[in-house]
């Protein structure tokens, strides 16, 4: 009996069960994300405690029953909630404190954040399920590389403690948290993201939340224009958001080049005006440079996949880009914002005072990093230790500026010596090669797109750092 005849007599077909499972998975993920968001936002209100507690309990129940939902929540939190407040912008997603230690804003003496606790609870749920079902624990294709990357920070911690002096335990914990969270997130994803439906939910979650952030950025800009600020508005979103915006711009391009015409393709295309507008309003030169490099990588992959289509699209982009640069090279308005990043490289004297100050800070920081590496070439300063200031910095831009450098690529070398630098580039190189190979080699277009996501994020993050 075929599917159509089975439907006529009221029998449930395999297609029906697949569709039902898909809907149930989407509803489950959406419900968990809604509960987690309510809990995070309730924490910002004095009267939000009862609702917050109920939401947290619901999230814990869902994650324990379905550990893979914890990965959705962690991914969604990274997309939706800012790590710090945005000057001049009253953003409800920036005041949730989910990345801050509980001890800094509650009476609970715990140096762990809400994200740390969610990750730990998801890990417990995974291990409980693995023990109950006798499921093997997987390390994934990059297990050794990720493990080595995290281990290097442990070595850096030992170096920092051994050097003594002005070692700061609080700073060391903050420096160690990022790589440990990264390692745990990779471990959870390698064990819990195992089928196409889960990949599809992650992609849809990415599109939906990046769209929300783009709309939020535009609304924040409009709200700031109505207020009288004592300083210029420097951004409308978090620093990290432009990395996600860059990927969201590149994804529909590569989908069209690969001939992928799905609902997700059209949703991303529909969101492009919002994302591009917010990318311009947030005024991040490094974001535009990262976008250019990501699109270049996309074009290279497209040419490897389909040379004629890739070359034709490259020629079209080159003509459009040349026309845009010719028209807006000297434009000081929003439409000329992307050319500002290119002009800063070709004509350094043309940058604004704000950009000149930013460049000055980075130049001084790079010289201090180079000086520190020359003084401690084999070990670096270690975690929890200040790097050496051969030249005073113009303006300290954030609390831990003497420990954590803006140059994230050289920072690992600074903290753990050349072994740290090798661990970073070994992991990055392996991931880029593996993802690029998968994009070209795999026959399934949906899996190609899934492989392109980490490739685009890695490239954008390295350039932005």
Foldseek 3Di string as FASTA:
>chain_A
DDPVVCVVVPHQDPVNVVVVVLVVVLVLLVLLLVLVVLLLLLQLDPPSVVSNVVSVVVNLVSCLVALLSLLSNLLLLVLAAFCADAPLFDDSRHPSQQQAACVVPHVDPGRGGVNRVSLVSSVVSLVVVCVVVVPDQDCPPCNVLLVLLLVLQVLLQVLQVVVDDQFDPVQLCVVNVVSVSVSSSSSSCRRRVDDDSSLVSSLVSLLVSLLVQLVQLVVRVVVSVVDDDPDDRQASHHLVSLLSLLLLLQLLVLCVLVVNDDPSSVSSVVSNVSSLLRNLRGLDLLSLVLSVVLNVVSLVLSCLQPVVSSVVVVVVVVVVVVVLCVVQVPPPDSSNSNNQSVCCVVPVVVHDPVVVLVVQQVVQLVVQLVVQCVVVQQAANGGRDFGGRPDDGPDQPDDVCRQQPQQNQSNQCNSGHVSSNCSVVVSLVVLLVVLSCCLRPDPDNSVNSSSSVVNSSSSSVNSSD
